[in-house]
Amino acid sequence: MSLSQKVPLVAALLIILSGCQSDSLGELSTYGDKAFTNDDLSDVSFYRDDELLKQAQVQFKAKNYGKAYSIYRKAVAVYPKDPVAWIGYAASADMVGRFDSADQGYRVLAGMIPGRPEYLNNVGYSYLLRGNLVAARRYFLKAYELDPKNETTVNNLQLLGNSVSFAKRG
């Protein structure tokens, strides 16, 4: 084949191949599924169901409040509509003195579970830790009215009574 015969053949191949190329594949990836399935997700954390919550609860129960707070902070990012994550976040924030974070958690919970005794009890305990005994009593009594058999609320009312009786004022 001479050079003059090769030039039209090469030109024809280039035209055919250029028809196969596309600058825009639209919504499809190279595998025929949606293009977003090939996105780099290396910065996305994968968590099995409730894994973070279980870890945080274990740390809170062991009184490792700093670790619990850190894990609950991740949990509310992963499960932003889960009241269990938020109540743990707020309670652990209270225990490490991060009342700004606790208030944030209680504001979110006020929209989720405003009348639940657990919520009311925890808000009361937060006020107790801050030394606002009047507000603490108000929330503990609301929680007690809803669930008078709740041992935690009963204990917190007793703790509040002890705080009033034995607090040193000066």
N, C-alpha and C. Protein backbone atom coordinates (compact mmCIF):
# COMPACT_ATOMS: atom_id res chain seq x y z
N MET A 1 0.85 -1.16 0.00
CA MET A 1 0.00 0.00 0.00
C MET A 1 0.90 1.24 0.00
N SER A 2 0.62 2.14 -0.89
CA SER A 2 1.45 3.33 -1.02
C SER A 2 0.98 4.39 -0.04
N LEU A 3 1.81 5.39 0.11
CA LEU A 3 1.51 6.48 1.03
C LEU A 3 0.24 7.20 0.61
N SER A 4 0.04 7.37 -0.66
CA SER A 4 -1.16 8.06 -1.12
C SER A 4 -2.42 7.25 -0.84
N GLN A 5 -2.29 5.92 -0.75
CA GLN A 5 -3.44 5.09 -0.41
C GLN A 5 -3.67 5.07 1.11
N LYS A 6 -2.59 5.22 1.89
CA LYS A 6 -2.70 5.19 3.35
C LYS A 6 -3.35 6.46 3.90
N VAL A 7 -3.10 7.62 3.28
CA VAL A 7 -3.62 8.89 3.80
C VAL A 7 -5.14 8.89 3.86
N PRO A 8 -5.87 8.51 2.79
CA PRO A 8 -7.33 8.49 2.93
C PRO A 8 -7.82 7.48 3.95
N LEU A 9 -7.11 6.35 4.07
CA LEU A 9 -7.50 5.33 5.05
C LEU A 9 -7.33 5.85 6.46
N VAL A 10 -6.20 6.53 6.74
CA VAL A 10 -5.94 7.09 8.06
C VAL A 10 -6.96 8.18 8.36
N ALA A 11 -7.28 9.01 7.38
CA ALA A 11 -8.26 10.07 7.57
C ALA A 11 -9.63 9.48 7.88
N ALA A 12 -10.00 8.42 7.18
CA ALA A 12 -11.29 7.77 7.43
C ALA A 12 -11.33 7.19 8.84
N LEU A 13 -10.24 6.57 9.28
CA LEU A 13 -10.17 6.01 10.64
C LEU A 13 -10.29 7.12 11.69
N LEU A 14 -9.63 8.25 11.45
CA LEU A 14 -9.71 9.36 12.40
C LEU A 14 -11.14 9.89 12.49
N ILE A 15 -11.83 9.97 11.37
CA ILE A 15 -13.21 10.44 11.39
C ILE A 15 -14.09 9.46 12.16
N ILE A 16 -13.89 8.16 11.92
CA ILE A 16 -14.68 7.14 12.62
C ILE A 16 -14.40 7.18 14.12
N LEU A 17 -13.09 7.24 14.48
CA LEU A 17 -12.73 7.27 15.90
C LEU A 17 -13.22 8.53 16.58
N SER A 18 -13.16 9.65 15.87
CA SER A 18 -13.62 10.89 16.49
C SER A 18 -15.12 10.81 16.77
N GLY A 19 -15.86 10.05 16.04
CA GLY A 19 -17.28 9.85 16.30
C GLY A 19 -17.51 9.04 17.56
N CYS A 20 -16.54 8.23 18.00
CA CYS A 20 -16.67 7.43 19.21
C CYS A 20 -16.34 8.22 20.46
N GLN A 21 -15.57 9.27 20.31
CA GLN A 21 -15.17 10.08 21.46
C GLN A 21 -16.30 11.03 21.83
N SER A 22 -16.43 11.28 23.11
CA SER A 22 -17.43 12.23 23.57
C SER A 22 -16.86 12.98 24.76
N ASP A 23 -16.96 14.28 24.70
CA ASP A 23 -16.49 15.08 25.82
C ASP A 23 -17.44 14.97 27.01
N SER A 24 -18.70 14.70 26.75
CA SER A 24 -19.68 14.64 27.81
C SER A 24 -20.38 13.29 27.79
N LEU A 25 -20.14 12.52 28.83
CA LEU A 25 -20.82 11.23 28.94
C LEU A 25 -22.11 11.36 29.74
N GLY A 26 -22.41 12.56 30.13
CA GLY A 26 -23.64 12.79 30.88
C GLY A 26 -23.62 12.11 32.23
N GLU A 27 -24.65 11.38 32.55
CA GLU A 27 -24.82 10.76 33.85
C GLU A 27 -24.19 9.38 33.96
N LEU A 28 -23.58 8.88 32.88
CA LEU A 28 -23.06 7.51 32.91
C LEU A 28 -21.57 7.47 33.22
N SER A 29 -21.17 6.45 33.95
CA SER A 29 -19.76 6.22 34.21
C SER A 29 -19.23 5.24 33.17
N THR A 30 -17.98 4.90 33.28
CA THR A 30 -17.39 3.97 32.33
C THR A 30 -17.94 2.56 32.47
N TYR A 31 -18.64 2.29 33.57
CA TYR A 31 -19.19 0.95 33.80
C TYR A 31 -20.67 0.87 33.49
N GLY A 32 -21.27 1.95 33.02
CA GLY A 32 -22.67 1.93 32.67
C GLY A 32 -23.58 2.31 33.82
N ASP A 33 -23.04 2.47 35.03
CA ASP A 33 -23.89 2.93 36.13
C ASP A 33 -23.76 4.45 36.24
N LYS A 34 -24.39 5.02 37.21
CA LYS A 34 -24.37 6.47 37.35
C LYS A 34 -22.97 6.98 37.65
N ALA A 35 -22.64 8.15 37.13
CA ALA A 35 -21.29 8.70 37.26
C ALA A 35 -20.88 8.93 38.71
N PHE A 36 -21.84 9.31 39.58
CA PHE A 36 -21.48 9.61 40.97
C PHE A 36 -20.93 8.39 41.70
N THR A 37 -21.15 7.18 41.19
CA THR A 37 -20.64 5.99 41.87
C THR A 37 -19.14 5.89 41.78
N ASN A 38 -18.52 6.68 40.93
CA ASN A 38 -17.06 6.70 40.83
C ASN A 38 -16.44 7.86 41.58
N ASP A 39 -17.25 8.66 42.26
CA ASP A 39 -16.72 9.77 43.04
C ASP A 39 -15.79 9.24 44.12
N ASP A 40 -14.79 10.04 44.46
CA ASP A 40 -13.86 9.68 45.52
C ASP A 40 -14.56 9.90 46.86
N LEU A 41 -14.78 8.83 47.59
CA LEU A 41 -15.45 8.91 48.88
C LEU A 41 -14.50 8.62 50.03
N SER A 42 -13.21 8.78 49.81
CA SER A 42 -12.23 8.41 50.83
C SER A 42 -12.35 9.27 52.08
N ASP A 43 -12.94 10.46 51.96
CA ASP A 43 -13.07 11.31 53.13
C ASP A 43 -14.37 11.07 53.89
N VAL A 44 -15.20 10.16 53.43
CA VAL A 44 -16.46 9.85 54.08
C VAL A 44 -16.26 8.68 55.03
N SER A 45 -16.68 8.87 56.28
CA SER A 45 -16.54 7.81 57.27
C SER A 45 -17.71 6.85 57.17
N PHE A 46 -17.45 5.58 57.27
CA PHE A 46 -18.49 4.57 57.27
C PHE A 46 -18.68 4.09 58.69
N TYR A 47 -19.92 4.04 59.13
CA TYR A 47 -20.22 3.56 60.47
C TYR A 47 -21.32 2.52 60.37
N ARG A 48 -21.08 1.40 60.99
CA ARG A 48 -22.17 0.43 61.09
C ARG A 48 -23.27 1.04 61.94
N ASP A 49 -24.46 0.54 61.78
CA ASP A 49 -25.59 1.06 62.53
C ASP A 49 -25.27 1.14 64.02
N ASP A 50 -25.44 2.30 64.58
CA ASP A 50 -25.32 2.55 66.02
C ASP A 50 -23.93 2.31 66.61
N GLU A 51 -22.92 2.07 65.80
CA GLU A 51 -21.58 1.81 66.33
C GLU A 51 -21.08 2.97 67.19
N LEU A 52 -21.21 4.18 66.67
CA LEU A 52 -20.75 5.34 67.44
C LEU A 52 -21.53 5.50 68.73
N LEU A 53 -22.83 5.30 68.65
CA LEU A 53 -23.65 5.46 69.86
C LEU A 53 -23.28 4.44 70.92
N LYS A 54 -23.04 3.22 70.51
CA LYS A 54 -22.66 2.18 71.47
C LYS A 54 -21.31 2.50 72.11
N GLN A 55 -20.34 2.95 71.30
CA GLN A 55 -19.04 3.32 71.84
C GLN A 55 -19.17 4.48 72.83
N ALA A 56 -19.95 5.48 72.47
CA ALA A 56 -20.12 6.65 73.33
C ALA A 56 -20.80 6.26 74.64
N GLN A 57 -21.81 5.41 74.56
CA GLN A 57 -22.53 4.99 75.76
C GLN A 57 -21.61 4.23 76.71
N VAL A 58 -20.75 3.38 76.15
CA VAL A 58 -19.80 2.64 76.98
C VAL A 58 -18.85 3.61 77.69
N GLN A 59 -18.35 4.60 76.96
CA GLN A 59 -17.43 5.57 77.56
C GLN A 59 -18.14 6.41 78.63
N PHE A 60 -19.38 6.78 78.37
CA PHE A 60 -20.12 7.58 79.36
C PHE A 60 -20.36 6.76 80.63
N LYS A 61 -20.77 5.52 80.44
CA LYS A 61 -21.03 4.66 81.60
C LYS A 61 -19.77 4.42 82.42
N ALA A 62 -18.62 4.38 81.74
CA ALA A 62 -17.34 4.20 82.43
C ALA A 62 -16.81 5.51 83.01
N LYS A 63 -17.59 6.57 82.89
CA LYS A 63 -17.25 7.91 83.38
C LYS A 63 -16.06 8.53 82.65
N ASN A 64 -15.85 8.09 81.43
CA ASN A 64 -14.85 8.70 80.55
C ASN A 64 -15.57 9.77 79.74
N TYR A 65 -15.93 10.85 80.41
CA TYR A 65 -16.81 11.83 79.80
C TYR A 65 -16.17 12.58 78.63
N GLY A 66 -14.88 12.80 78.69
CA GLY A 66 -14.20 13.46 77.58
C GLY A 66 -14.25 12.62 76.32
N LYS A 67 -13.98 11.33 76.46
CA LYS A 67 -14.06 10.43 75.30
C LYS A 67 -15.50 10.32 74.81
N ALA A 68 -16.43 10.22 75.75
CA ALA A 68 -17.85 10.12 75.37
C ALA A 68 -18.27 11.37 74.59
N TYR A 69 -17.85 12.54 75.08
CA TYR A 69 -18.21 13.79 74.41
C TYR A 69 -17.66 13.81 72.98
N SER A 70 -16.43 13.39 72.81
CA SER A 70 -15.81 13.36 71.48
C SER A 70 -16.56 12.41 70.54
N ILE A 71 -16.93 11.25 71.03
CA ILE A 71 -17.63 10.27 70.19
C ILE A 71 -19.06 10.73 69.91
N TYR A 72 -19.73 11.27 70.92
CA TYR A 72 -21.08 11.78 70.69
C TYR A 72 -21.06 12.95 69.69
N ARG A 73 -20.01 13.76 69.71
CA ARG A 73 -19.91 14.86 68.75
C ARG A 73 -19.89 14.31 67.33
N LYS A 74 -19.16 13.21 67.13
CA LYS A 74 -19.18 12.55 65.81
C LYS A 74 -20.56 11.96 65.52
N ALA A 75 -21.17 11.39 66.53
CA ALA A 75 -22.46 10.73 66.35
C ALA A 75 -23.54 11.71 65.90
N VAL A 76 -23.56 12.92 66.46
CA VAL A 76 -24.59 13.87 66.04
C VAL A 76 -24.35 14.37 64.62
N ALA A 77 -23.09 14.30 64.17
CA ALA A 77 -22.80 14.65 62.77
C ALA A 77 -23.29 13.55 61.84
N VAL A 78 -23.13 12.29 62.27
CA VAL A 78 -23.53 11.15 61.45
C VAL A 78 -25.03 10.91 61.54
N TYR A 79 -25.60 11.08 62.73
CA TYR A 79 -27.03 10.84 62.96
C TYR A 79 -27.70 12.12 63.46
N PRO A 80 -27.82 13.15 62.63
CA PRO A 80 -28.31 14.45 63.11
C PRO A 80 -29.78 14.46 63.55
N LYS A 81 -30.53 13.43 63.25
CA LYS A 81 -31.94 13.40 63.65
C LYS A 81 -32.21 12.37 64.75
N ASP A 82 -31.15 11.88 65.39
CA ASP A 82 -31.29 10.85 66.40
C ASP A 82 -31.25 11.48 67.79
N PRO A 83 -32.37 11.47 68.52
CA PRO A 83 -32.37 12.08 69.85
C PRO A 83 -31.45 11.38 70.85
N VAL A 84 -31.18 10.10 70.65
CA VAL A 84 -30.24 9.39 71.55
C VAL A 84 -28.85 9.99 71.40
N ALA A 85 -28.45 10.28 70.19
CA ALA A 85 -27.13 10.90 69.95
C ALA A 85 -27.08 12.29 70.59
N TRP A 86 -28.14 13.05 70.43
CA TRP A 86 -28.15 14.42 70.96
C TRP A 86 -28.21 14.45 72.48
N ILE A 87 -28.99 13.55 73.09
CA ILE A 87 -29.07 13.58 74.55
C ILE A 87 -27.73 13.14 75.17
N GLY A 88 -27.07 12.17 74.52
CA GLY A 88 -25.73 11.78 74.99
C GLY A 88 -24.71 12.88 74.80
N TYR A 89 -24.83 13.58 73.68
CA TYR A 89 -23.92 14.70 73.40
C TYR A 89 -24.08 15.78 74.47
N ALA A 90 -25.33 16.15 74.74
CA ALA A 90 -25.57 17.21 75.72
C ALA A 90 -25.14 16.78 77.12
N ALA A 91 -25.46 15.55 77.50
CA ALA A 91 -25.10 15.07 78.85
C ALA A 91 -23.59 14.99 79.02
N SER A 92 -22.89 14.48 78.02
CA SER A 92 -21.42 14.39 78.15
C SER A 92 -20.80 15.78 78.11
N ALA A 93 -21.38 16.69 77.35
CA ALA A 93 -20.88 18.07 77.34
C ALA A 93 -21.05 18.69 78.73
N ASP A 94 -22.19 18.43 79.38
CA ASP A 94 -22.39 18.91 80.75
C ASP A 94 -21.29 18.39 81.67
N MET A 95 -20.99 17.12 81.54
CA MET A 95 -20.04 16.48 82.47
C MET A 95 -18.61 16.98 82.31
N VAL A 96 -18.28 17.52 81.14
CA VAL A 96 -16.93 18.09 80.96
C VAL A 96 -16.96 19.62 81.03
N GLY A 97 -18.11 20.17 81.44
CA GLY A 97 -18.20 21.61 81.62
C GLY A 97 -18.35 22.41 80.34
N ARG A 98 -18.72 21.74 79.25
CA ARG A 98 -18.93 22.44 77.97
C ARG A 98 -20.42 22.81 77.87
N PHE A 99 -20.82 23.77 78.68
CA PHE A 99 -22.23 24.13 78.75
C PHE A 99 -22.74 24.77 77.46
N ASP A 100 -21.85 25.39 76.70
CA ASP A 100 -22.25 25.93 75.41
C ASP A 100 -22.69 24.80 74.47
N SER A 101 -21.93 23.72 74.47
CA SER A 101 -22.29 22.56 73.65
C SER A 101 -23.53 21.86 74.20
N ALA A 102 -23.62 21.79 75.52
CA ALA A 102 -24.81 21.18 76.13
C ALA A 102 -26.06 21.97 75.75
N ASP A 103 -25.97 23.30 75.81
CA ASP A 103 -27.12 24.13 75.44
C ASP A 103 -27.51 23.90 73.98
N GLN A 104 -26.52 23.76 73.12
CA GLN A 104 -26.81 23.48 71.71
C GLN A 104 -27.58 22.17 71.59
N GLY A 105 -27.12 21.14 72.28
CA GLY A 105 -27.79 19.84 72.25
C GLY A 105 -29.21 19.92 72.79
N TYR A 106 -29.40 20.65 73.88
CA TYR A 106 -30.74 20.76 74.45
C TYR A 106 -31.68 21.58 73.55
N ARG A 107 -31.12 22.56 72.83
CA ARG A 107 -31.96 23.31 71.86
C ARG A 107 -32.46 22.38 70.76
N VAL A 108 -31.57 21.52 70.26
CA VAL A 108 -31.98 20.57 69.21
C VAL A 108 -33.02 19.61 69.78
N LEU A 109 -32.78 19.11 70.97
CA LEU A 109 -33.71 18.17 71.60
C LEU A 109 -35.06 18.81 71.91
N ALA A 110 -35.08 20.10 72.17
CA ALA A 110 -36.35 20.78 72.45
C ALA A 110 -37.30 20.69 71.25
N GLY A 111 -36.74 20.57 70.07
CA GLY A 111 -37.56 20.40 68.88
C GLY A 111 -37.90 18.95 68.60
N MET A 112 -37.17 18.02 69.21
CA MET A 112 -37.37 16.59 68.95
C MET A 112 -38.23 15.92 70.02
N ILE A 113 -37.84 16.11 71.28
CA ILE A 113 -38.49 15.39 72.39
C ILE A 113 -38.75 16.33 73.57
N PRO A 114 -39.46 17.43 73.36
CA PRO A 114 -39.56 18.44 74.41
C PRO A 114 -40.26 17.99 75.68
N GLY A 115 -41.19 17.07 75.61
CA GLY A 115 -41.94 16.67 76.79
C GLY A 115 -41.51 15.36 77.40
N ARG A 116 -40.38 14.83 76.97
CA ARG A 116 -39.93 13.54 77.50
C ARG A 116 -39.23 13.74 78.85
N PRO A 117 -39.48 12.83 79.81
CA PRO A 117 -38.86 12.97 81.13
C PRO A 117 -37.33 12.92 81.07
N GLU A 118 -36.77 12.14 80.14
CA GLU A 118 -35.31 12.06 80.03
C GLU A 118 -34.73 13.43 79.66
N TYR A 119 -35.39 14.09 78.73
CA TYR A 119 -34.95 15.42 78.32
C TYR A 119 -35.05 16.40 79.48
N LEU A 120 -36.21 16.44 80.12
CA LEU A 120 -36.43 17.37 81.22
C LEU A 120 -35.46 17.11 82.38
N ASN A 121 -35.23 15.85 82.69
CA ASN A 121 -34.31 15.49 83.75
C ASN A 121 -32.89 15.94 83.43
N ASN A 122 -32.47 15.72 82.18
CA ASN A 122 -31.11 16.10 81.79
C ASN A 122 -30.92 17.62 81.80
N VAL A 123 -31.93 18.34 81.35
CA VAL A 123 -31.83 19.81 81.40
C VAL A 123 -31.74 20.26 82.87
N GLY A 124 -32.55 19.65 83.72
CA GLY A 124 -32.48 19.96 85.14
C GLY A 124 -31.10 19.69 85.73
N TYR A 125 -30.52 18.56 85.37
CA TYR A 125 -29.19 18.21 85.88
C TYR A 125 -28.15 19.21 85.38
N SER A 126 -28.32 19.66 84.13
CA SER A 126 -27.41 20.66 83.58
C SER A 126 -27.46 21.93 84.42
N TYR A 127 -28.67 22.36 84.78
CA TYR A 127 -28.79 23.55 85.62
C TYR A 127 -28.22 23.30 87.01
N LEU A 128 -28.38 22.10 87.53
CA LEU A 128 -27.80 21.76 88.83
C LEU A 128 -26.29 21.89 88.79
N LEU A 129 -25.67 21.37 87.73
CA LEU A 129 -24.22 21.46 87.60
C LEU A 129 -23.74 22.91 87.51
N ARG A 130 -24.56 23.77 86.97
CA ARG A 130 -24.20 25.18 86.81
C ARG A 130 -24.48 25.99 88.08
N GLY A 131 -25.17 25.35 89.03
CA GLY A 131 -25.50 26.05 90.27
C GLY A 131 -26.81 26.80 90.23
N ASN A 132 -27.60 26.64 89.18
CA ASN A 132 -28.91 27.29 89.09
C ASN A 132 -29.94 26.32 89.65
N LEU A 133 -30.07 26.33 90.96
CA LEU A 133 -30.91 25.34 91.65
C LEU A 133 -32.40 25.56 91.40
N VAL A 134 -32.82 26.78 91.20
CA VAL A 134 -34.24 27.07 90.96
C VAL A 134 -34.66 26.46 89.61
N ALA A 135 -33.87 26.70 88.58
CA ALA A 135 -34.19 26.13 87.25
C ALA A 135 -34.09 24.61 87.29
N ALA A 136 -33.09 24.09 88.00
CA ALA A 136 -32.93 22.64 88.11
C ALA A 136 -34.18 22.01 88.73
N ARG A 137 -34.66 22.61 89.81
CA ARG A 137 -35.85 22.09 90.48
C ARG A 137 -37.07 22.11 89.56
N ARG A 138 -37.23 23.19 88.80
CA ARG A 138 -38.37 23.31 87.89
C ARG A 138 -38.37 22.16 86.88
N TYR A 139 -37.21 21.87 86.29
CA TYR A 139 -37.13 20.79 85.30
C TYR A 139 -37.27 19.41 85.94
N PHE A 140 -36.66 19.22 87.12
CA PHE A 140 -36.80 17.92 87.80
C PHE A 140 -38.27 17.64 88.14
N LEU A 141 -38.98 18.66 88.60
CA LEU A 141 -40.39 18.47 88.96
C LEU A 141 -41.24 18.16 87.73
N LYS A 142 -40.94 18.79 86.60
CA LYS A 142 -41.68 18.47 85.36
C LYS A 142 -41.43 17.01 84.97
N ALA A 143 -40.18 16.57 85.08
CA ALA A 143 -39.84 15.19 84.75
C ALA A 143 -40.53 14.22 85.72
N TYR A 144 -40.55 14.59 86.99
CA TYR A 144 -41.18 13.75 88.01
C TYR A 144 -42.68 13.63 87.79
N GLU A 145 -43.32 14.71 87.40
CA GLU A 145 -44.76 14.67 87.13
C GLU A 145 -45.10 13.71 86.00
N LEU A 146 -44.21 13.64 84.99
CA LEU A 146 -44.45 12.74 83.86
C LEU A 146 -44.16 11.29 84.20
N ASP A 147 -43.15 11.07 85.06
CA ASP A 147 -42.75 9.69 85.38
C ASP A 147 -42.28 9.63 86.83
N PRO A 148 -43.20 9.52 87.78
CA PRO A 148 -42.82 9.54 89.20
C PRO A 148 -42.02 8.31 89.64
N LYS A 149 -42.00 7.26 88.83
CA LYS A 149 -41.24 6.06 89.20
C LYS A 149 -39.82 6.06 88.64
N ASN A 150 -39.46 7.10 87.92
CA ASN A 150 -38.12 7.18 87.34
C ASN A 150 -37.11 7.43 88.46
N GLU A 151 -36.27 6.43 88.71
CA GLU A 151 -35.30 6.51 89.82
C GLU A 151 -34.30 7.63 89.64
N THR A 152 -33.90 7.88 88.41
CA THR A 152 -32.91 8.93 88.17
C THR A 152 -33.46 10.29 88.57
N THR A 153 -34.70 10.56 88.20
CA THR A 153 -35.31 11.83 88.57
C THR A 153 -35.49 11.93 90.08
N VAL A 154 -35.93 10.85 90.71
CA VAL A 154 -36.10 10.84 92.18
C VAL A 154 -34.75 11.11 92.85
N ASN A 155 -33.70 10.45 92.37
CA ASN A 155 -32.36 10.67 92.93
C ASN A 155 -31.89 12.11 92.71
N ASN A 156 -32.21 12.66 91.53
CA ASN A 156 -31.78 14.04 91.26
C ASN A 156 -32.52 15.04 92.14
N LEU A 157 -33.79 14.78 92.43
CA LEU A 157 -34.51 15.65 93.36
C LEU A 157 -33.90 15.58 94.76
N GLN A 158 -33.49 14.39 95.16
CA GLN A 158 -32.84 14.24 96.46
C GLN A 158 -31.48 14.95 96.46
N LEU A 159 -30.75 14.80 95.36
CA LEU A 159 -29.46 15.47 95.23
C LEU A 159 -29.65 16.99 95.28
N LEU A 160 -30.69 17.46 94.64
CA LEU A 160 -31.00 18.88 94.67
C LEU A 160 -31.30 19.33 96.10
N GLY A 161 -32.08 18.54 96.82
CA GLY A 161 -32.38 18.85 98.21
C GLY A 161 -31.12 18.91 99.06
N ASN A 162 -30.21 17.98 98.82
CA ASN A 162 -28.94 17.98 99.54
C ASN A 162 -28.10 19.21 99.16
N SER A 163 -28.17 19.59 97.90
CA SER A 163 -27.40 20.75 97.45
C SER A 163 -27.89 22.02 98.14
N VAL A 164 -29.19 22.13 98.32
CA VAL A 164 -29.76 23.30 98.98
C VAL A 164 -29.39 23.27 100.46
N SER A 165 -29.49 22.09 101.08
CA SER A 165 -29.24 21.97 102.51
C SER A 165 -27.78 22.18 102.88
N PHE A 166 -26.87 21.69 102.05
CA PHE A 166 -25.47 21.69 102.44
C PHE A 166 -24.59 22.65 101.65
N ALA A 167 -25.18 23.41 100.78
CA ALA A 167 -24.38 24.33 99.98
C ALA A 167 -23.85 25.44 100.88
N LYS A 168 -22.61 25.79 100.65
CA LYS A 168 -21.99 26.87 101.43
C LYS A 168 -22.19 28.16 100.65
N ARG A 169 -22.86 29.07 101.26
CA ARG A 169 -23.09 30.36 100.63
C ARG A 169 -22.19 31.38 101.33
N GLY A 170 -21.72 32.30 100.59
CA GLY A 170 -20.87 33.23 101.30
C GLY A 170 -20.63 34.45 100.62
